């Protein structure tokens, strides 16, 4: 994929989708492209210069852009927290792309982190009928299976942890990790003996790299892996890789206190992301996953 060539196809798609003029003036690579190529498109319109953010990849990655657009639209419709507006999505048989509104983003400061904690609590409080999602999507570069379920723990075990353990077996990760992981899933009801989560709309991939702010401290979320699940799964991931000021979790807790047992369930939920990283990247994530499984099993004894 050549960025200048695909940029002209993207610009034409913007014109076709928005039914407004956009004469491409420049295209520049920007940060945010660990999986896809991220581009800043500048063009001339009847109202002056306009910027767009675009992600591009080979045409076989089109389902990733479709799933991302679906997740962004779900979060936008919920209205609790700002996400980039989807402008266009398409492919030409060789390349695929997703175009979003251009937002001038800065790192989360204390005030923006507070507002994000409050916004996430509002998002999680919106009533949802069932757990799961209407379509499969992606967690990073990995497929994420969904479907609907009335049983949260059954959904989490099968669609999240069992799926990762099966992939670990195919990737020939250590058999002890897989065997003990299966043992954990057989006994993990213990973490829910006095806790019954309600369905909440989740961002699904809420690490620090997927959150930022506008200059006025309005928080913005992006790159979702949306589904309906236990709110604790979203909160847990914010503590896994860091990147969130302490005011974020304080504000969330003040608005929506976490239930007893959260620290253990946090590790149970974050095991999914550790296993996903182990399957994608191996290395230290394999030992971290094994250590997490052993610690969770120790909580059950």
Protein backbone atom coordinates (compact mmCIF):
# COMPACT_ATOMS: atom_id res chain seq x y z
CA UNK A 1 0.00 0.00 0.00
CA UNK A 2 1.39 3.40 -1.03
CA UNK A 3 0.07 6.25 1.09
CA UNK A 4 -0.06 8.94 -1.64
CA UNK A 5 -1.95 6.65 -4.02
CA UNK A 6 -4.47 5.44 -1.47
CA UNK A 7 -4.96 9.03 -0.23
CA UNK A 8 -6.51 10.02 -3.56
CA UNK A 9 -8.93 7.10 -3.36
CA UNK A 10 -9.80 8.10 0.22
CA UNK A 11 -10.33 11.71 -0.81
CA UNK A 12 -12.74 10.64 -3.54
CA UNK A 13 -14.60 8.45 -1.03
CA UNK A 14 -14.93 11.48 1.27
CA UNK A 15 -16.48 13.44 -1.60
CA UNK A 16 -18.82 10.57 -2.53
CA UNK A 17 -19.91 9.93 1.06
CA UNK A 18 -20.29 13.49 2.32
CA UNK A 19 -21.51 14.88 -1.02
CA UNK A 20 -19.30 17.87 -0.40
CA UNK A 21 -16.20 19.09 -2.20
CA UNK A 22 -12.75 18.09 -0.91
CA UNK A 23 -9.72 18.80 -3.10
CA UNK A 24 -6.78 16.93 -1.60
CA UNK A 25 -3.81 19.22 -0.91
CA UNK A 26 -1.53 17.09 1.26
CA UNK A 27 -1.24 13.75 3.01
CA UNK A 28 1.07 13.09 5.94
CA UNK A 29 1.71 10.01 8.09
CA UNK A 30 0.82 10.55 11.75
CA UNK A 31 1.06 8.62 15.00
CA UNK A 32 -1.58 6.00 15.73
CA UNK A 33 -0.68 3.37 13.18
CA UNK A 34 0.63 0.33 15.08
CA UNK A 35 -1.66 -1.95 13.01
CA UNK A 36 -2.74 0.31 10.15
CA UNK A 37 -1.15 3.26 8.38
CA UNK A 38 -2.46 6.48 9.93
CA UNK A 39 -2.75 9.55 7.72
CA UNK A 40 -3.62 13.22 8.04
CA UNK A 41 -5.45 14.43 4.95
CA UNK A 42 -5.74 18.15 4.26
CA UNK A 43 -7.96 19.46 1.52
CA UNK A 44 -9.67 22.54 0.19
CA UNK A 45 -13.44 22.85 0.47
CA UNK A 46 -15.93 25.58 -0.31
CA UNK A 47 -15.72 26.50 3.39
CA UNK A 48 -11.92 26.61 3.54
CA UNK A 49 -9.20 24.13 4.52
CA UNK A 50 -10.36 20.89 6.19
CA UNK A 51 -8.54 18.01 7.87
CA UNK A 52 -9.44 14.33 8.18
CA UNK A 53 -7.83 11.42 9.99
CA UNK A 54 -7.65 8.19 7.98
CA UNK A 55 -6.49 4.65 8.64
CA UNK A 56 -5.51 2.53 5.66
CA UNK A 57 -4.40 -1.05 5.10
CA UNK A 58 -4.68 -3.81 2.54
CA UNK A 59 -8.19 -4.76 1.42
CA UNK A 60 -8.27 -7.93 3.54
CA UNK A 61 -8.30 -5.69 6.64
CA UNK A 62 -11.62 -4.11 5.64
CA UNK A 63 -13.53 -6.13 8.32
CA UNK A 64 -11.40 -4.45 11.00
CA UNK A 65 -12.48 -1.02 9.77
CA UNK A 66 -16.10 -2.13 9.55
CA UNK A 67 -16.01 -3.38 13.15
CA UNK A 68 -14.29 -0.20 14.37
CA UNK A 69 -16.87 2.00 12.68
CA UNK A 70 -19.64 -0.09 14.27
CA UNK A 71 -18.12 0.33 17.72
CA UNK A 72 -17.57 4.06 17.33
CA UNK A 73 -21.16 4.52 16.22
CA UNK A 74 -22.44 2.55 19.23
CA UNK A 75 -20.45 4.74 21.61
CA UNK A 76 -21.48 7.91 19.78
CA UNK A 77 -25.15 6.93 19.96
CA UNK A 78 -24.84 6.24 23.69
CA UNK A 79 -23.88 9.89 24.12
CA UNK A 80 -21.89 9.52 27.34
CA UNK A 81 -18.40 10.23 26.03
CA UNK A 82 -17.03 11.80 22.88
CA UNK A 83 -15.62 9.60 20.13
CA UNK A 84 -14.41 10.59 16.65
CA UNK A 85 -17.22 10.86 14.10
CA UNK A 86 -17.04 8.31 11.29
CA UNK A 87 -16.87 10.12 7.94
CA UNK A 88 -16.35 7.33 5.39
CA UNK A 89 -15.28 3.73 5.06
CA UNK A 90 -14.43 1.86 1.88
CA UNK A 91 -12.02 -0.16 -0.22
CA UNK A 92 -11.01 -0.36 -3.88
CA UNK A 93 -10.10 -4.05 -4.01
CA UNK A 94 -6.46 -3.38 -3.16
CA UNK A 95 -6.66 -1.07 -0.15
CA UNK A 96 -9.21 -0.42 2.57
CA UNK A 97 -9.68 2.64 4.78
CA UNK A 98 -11.61 4.29 7.55
CA UNK A 99 -11.96 8.09 7.66
CA UNK A 100 -12.70 9.93 10.90
CA UNK A 101 -13.09 13.56 11.78
CA UNK A 102 -9.80 15.20 12.66
CA UNK A 103 -9.54 16.04 16.35
CA UNK A 104 -6.66 18.01 17.87
CA UNK A 105 -5.91 15.74 20.81
CA UNK A 106 -3.65 16.13 23.83
CA UNK A 107 -2.73 13.74 26.63
CA UNK A 108 -5.17 13.32 29.50
CA UNK A 109 -4.54 15.86 32.22
CA UNK A 110 -6.04 15.79 35.69
CA UNK A 111 -9.26 17.60 34.75
CA UNK A 112 -9.80 15.57 31.59
CA UNK A 113 -9.13 12.35 33.51
CA UNK A 114 -11.76 13.33 36.07
CA UNK A 115 -14.26 14.05 33.34
CA UNK A 116 -13.44 10.73 31.66
CA UNK A 117 -14.05 8.81 34.89
CA UNK A 118 -17.44 10.46 35.23
CA UNK A 119 -18.28 9.88 31.55
CA UNK A 120 -17.31 6.21 31.67
CA UNK A 121 -19.50 5.71 34.74
CA UNK A 122 -22.42 7.27 32.83
CA UNK A 123 -21.75 5.01 29.86
CA UNK A 124 -21.73 1.92 32.05
CA UNK A 125 -24.96 2.97 33.75
CA UNK A 126 -26.98 2.98 30.52
CA UNK A 127 -29.41 0.01 30.57
CA UNK A 128 -28.58 -2.93 28.29
CA UNK A 129 -30.69 -6.03 27.67
CA UNK A 130 -28.09 -8.79 27.32
CA UNK A 131 -24.40 -9.53 27.33
CA UNK A 132 -22.36 -9.80 24.14
CA UNK A 133 -22.64 -8.03 20.79
CA UNK A 134 -24.45 -8.44 17.48
CA UNK A 135 -21.25 -9.00 15.49
CA UNK A 136 -17.73 -10.26 15.97
CA UNK A 137 -15.01 -7.63 16.09
CA UNK A 138 -11.34 -7.33 17.01
CA UNK A 139 -9.19 -6.83 20.09
CA UNK A 140 -6.13 -5.15 18.66
CA UNK A 141 -5.13 -7.30 15.70
CA UNK A 142 -6.86 -10.43 17.02
CA UNK A 143 -10.41 -11.54 16.19
CA UNK A 144 -12.88 -11.22 19.06
CA UNK A 145 -15.95 -13.48 18.95
CA UNK A 146 -19.23 -12.20 20.34
CA UNK A 147 -22.90 -13.19 20.00
CA UNK A 148 -25.57 -12.68 22.65
CA UNK A 149 -25.92 -14.33 26.06
CA UNK A 150 -27.97 -14.00 29.23
CA UNK A 151 -25.16 -15.63 31.24
CA UNK A 152 -22.21 -13.30 31.71
CA UNK A 153 -19.76 -15.80 33.14
CA UNK A 154 -20.56 -18.35 30.41
CA UNK A 155 -19.96 -15.63 27.79
CA UNK A 156 -16.67 -14.56 29.36
CA UNK A 157 -15.36 -18.09 29.76
CA UNK A 158 -16.21 -19.22 26.23
CA UNK A 159 -15.88 -16.10 24.08
CA UNK A 160 -12.91 -14.57 25.89
CA UNK A 161 -10.73 -16.91 27.97
CA UNK A 162 -11.46 -20.27 26.31
CA UNK A 163 -10.93 -18.63 22.93
CA UNK A 164 -7.51 -17.36 24.00
CA UNK A 165 -6.51 -20.70 25.55
CA UNK A 166 -7.47 -22.53 22.34
CA UNK A 167 -5.36 -20.06 20.39
CA UNK A 168 -2.52 -20.57 22.86
CA UNK A 169 -2.64 -24.30 22.17
CA UNK A 170 -2.46 -23.66 18.42
CA UNK A 171 0.46 -21.31 19.00
CA UNK A 172 2.19 -23.99 21.10
CA UNK A 173 2.44 -21.89 24.23
CA UNK A 174 3.45 -23.87 27.36
CA UNK A 175 1.06 -26.73 28.11
CA UNK A 176 1.17 -25.97 31.83
CA UNK A 177 -0.21 -22.49 31.18
CA UNK A 178 -3.06 -23.95 29.11
CA UNK A 179 -3.85 -26.76 31.56
CA UNK A 180 -3.92 -24.45 34.57
CA UNK A 181 -5.93 -21.93 32.60
CA UNK A 182 -8.56 -24.59 31.90
CA UNK A 183 -8.57 -25.50 35.59
CA UNK A 184 -9.15 -21.84 36.46
CA UNK A 185 -12.12 -21.64 34.14
CA UNK A 186 -13.63 -24.77 35.68
CA UNK A 187 -13.58 -23.16 39.14
CA UNK A 188 -13.96 -19.44 38.49
CA UNK A 189 -17.58 -19.31 39.70
CA UNK A 190 -15.99 -18.64 43.10
CA UNK A 191 -15.25 -15.07 41.99
CA UNK A 192 -18.97 -14.49 41.41
CA UNK A 193 -20.53 -16.20 44.41
CA UNK A 194 -21.73 -12.88 45.83
CA UNK A 195 -21.57 -10.76 42.72
CA UNK A 196 -23.95 -10.57 39.75
CA UNK A 197 -22.91 -7.96 37.17
CA UNK A 198 -25.47 -6.11 35.12
CA UNK A 199 -24.96 -5.59 31.39
CA UNK A 200 -23.07 -2.42 30.48
CA UNK A 201 -21.88 -1.06 27.16
CA UNK A 202 -18.08 -1.31 27.20
CA UNK A 203 -15.33 0.32 25.19
CA UNK A 204 -13.63 -3.07 25.36
CA UNK A 205 -9.98 -2.06 24.79
CA UNK A 206 -9.56 0.71 27.33
CA UNK A 207 -5.84 1.15 27.79
CA UNK A 208 -4.18 4.54 28.03
CA UNK A 209 -3.31 4.71 24.33
CA UNK A 210 -7.00 4.74 23.40
CA UNK A 211 -7.93 7.83 25.42
CA UNK A 212 -7.01 11.50 25.03
CA UNK A 213 -8.56 14.93 25.41
CA UNK A 214 -9.43 18.07 23.52
CA UNK A 215 -7.78 21.36 24.44
CA UNK A 216 -10.77 22.24 26.65
CA UNK A 217 -10.28 18.97 28.62
CA UNK A 218 -13.20 17.16 26.99
CA UNK A 219 -12.18 13.46 27.06
CA UNK A 220 -12.18 11.42 23.86
CA UNK A 221 -12.12 7.64 23.40
CA UNK A 222 -11.20 5.80 20.20
CA UNK A 223 -10.14 2.38 18.82
CA UNK A 224 -12.91 0.45 20.60
CA UNK A 225 -13.60 -3.28 20.78
CA UNK A 226 -17.20 -2.73 21.84
CA UNK A 227 -19.48 -5.27 23.50
CA UNK A 228 -21.90 -5.46 26.43
CA UNK A 229 -20.36 -6.91 29.57
CA UNK A 230 -19.44 -6.35 33.21
CA UNK A 231 -18.36 -2.75 33.72
CA UNK A 232 -15.46 -4.02 35.80
CA UNK A 233 -13.84 -5.44 32.66
CA UNK A 234 -13.45 -1.90 31.27
CA UNK A 235 -12.23 -0.46 34.56
CA UNK A 236 -9.82 -3.35 35.06
CA UNK A 237 -8.02 -2.71 31.78
CA UNK A 238 -7.39 0.92 32.72
CA UNK A 239 -5.21 -0.46 35.52
CA UNK A 240 -3.35 -3.05 33.44
CA UNK A 241 -0.98 -1.03 31.25
CA UNK A 242 -1.17 2.35 32.97
CA UNK A 243 -1.58 5.69 31.21
CA UNK A 244 -4.51 7.03 33.23
CA UNK A 245 -4.01 9.75 35.87
CA UNK A 246 -5.19 8.75 39.35
CA UNK A 247 -8.07 11.24 39.08
CA UNK A 248 -9.72 8.98 36.48
CA UNK A 249 -10.38 6.04 38.79
CA UNK A 250 -11.18 8.30 41.75
CA UNK A 251 -13.86 10.05 39.71
CA UNK A 252 -15.26 6.77 38.46
CA UNK A 253 -15.47 5.33 41.98
CA UNK A 254 -17.09 8.50 43.32
CA UNK A 255 -19.76 8.32 40.63
CA UNK A 256 -20.15 4.52 40.65
CA UNK A 257 -18.45 2.65 43.53
CA UNK A 258 -16.93 -0.70 42.64
CA UNK A 259 -18.22 -3.85 44.30
CA UNK A 260 -16.49 -5.97 46.92
CA UNK A 261 -14.18 -8.46 45.25
CA UNK A 262 -13.20 -6.16 42.40
CA UNK A 263 -9.42 -6.51 42.93
CA UNK A 264 -9.57 -10.26 42.24
CA UNK A 265 -12.04 -9.94 39.36
CA UNK A 266 -9.82 -7.19 37.93
CA UNK A 267 -7.03 -9.75 37.56
CA UNK A 268 -9.48 -12.31 36.17
CA UNK A 269 -10.64 -9.89 33.47
CA UNK A 270 -7.14 -8.65 32.66
CA UNK A 271 -6.02 -12.23 32.07
CA UNK A 272 -7.85 -11.99 28.73
CA UNK A 273 -5.63 -9.14 27.60
CA UNK A 274 -2.46 -10.79 28.90
CA UNK A 275 -3.31 -13.97 27.00
CA UNK A 276 -4.13 -11.98 23.89
CA UNK A 277 -0.74 -10.27 24.08
CA UNK A 278 0.94 -13.62 24.73
CA UNK A 279 -0.68 -15.03 21.60
CA UNK A 280 0.20 -11.97 19.51
CA UNK A 281 3.69 -11.21 20.79
CA UNK A 282 4.83 -14.11 23.09
CA UNK A 283 7.83 -12.93 25.16
CA UNK A 284 7.22 -11.73 28.71
CA UNK A 285 3.45 -11.83 28.21
CA UNK A 286 3.58 -15.65 28.37
CA UNK A 287 5.12 -15.68 31.84
CA UNK A 288 2.84 -12.84 32.98
CA UNK A 289 -0.18 -14.86 31.87
CA UNK A 290 1.06 -17.95 33.71
CA UNK A 291 1.71 -15.94 36.87
CA UNK A 292 -1.76 -14.39 36.70
CA UNK A 293 -3.39 -17.81 36.33
CA UNK A 294 -1.43 -19.17 39.33
CA UNK A 295 -2.41 -16.14 41.46
CA UNK A 296 -6.08 -16.51 40.55
CA UNK A 297 -6.04 -20.23 41.33
CA UNK A 298 -4.54 -19.41 44.72
CA UNK A 299 -7.53 -17.16 45.41
CA UNK A 300 -9.89 -20.09 44.89
CA UNK A 301 -8.19 -22.54 47.24
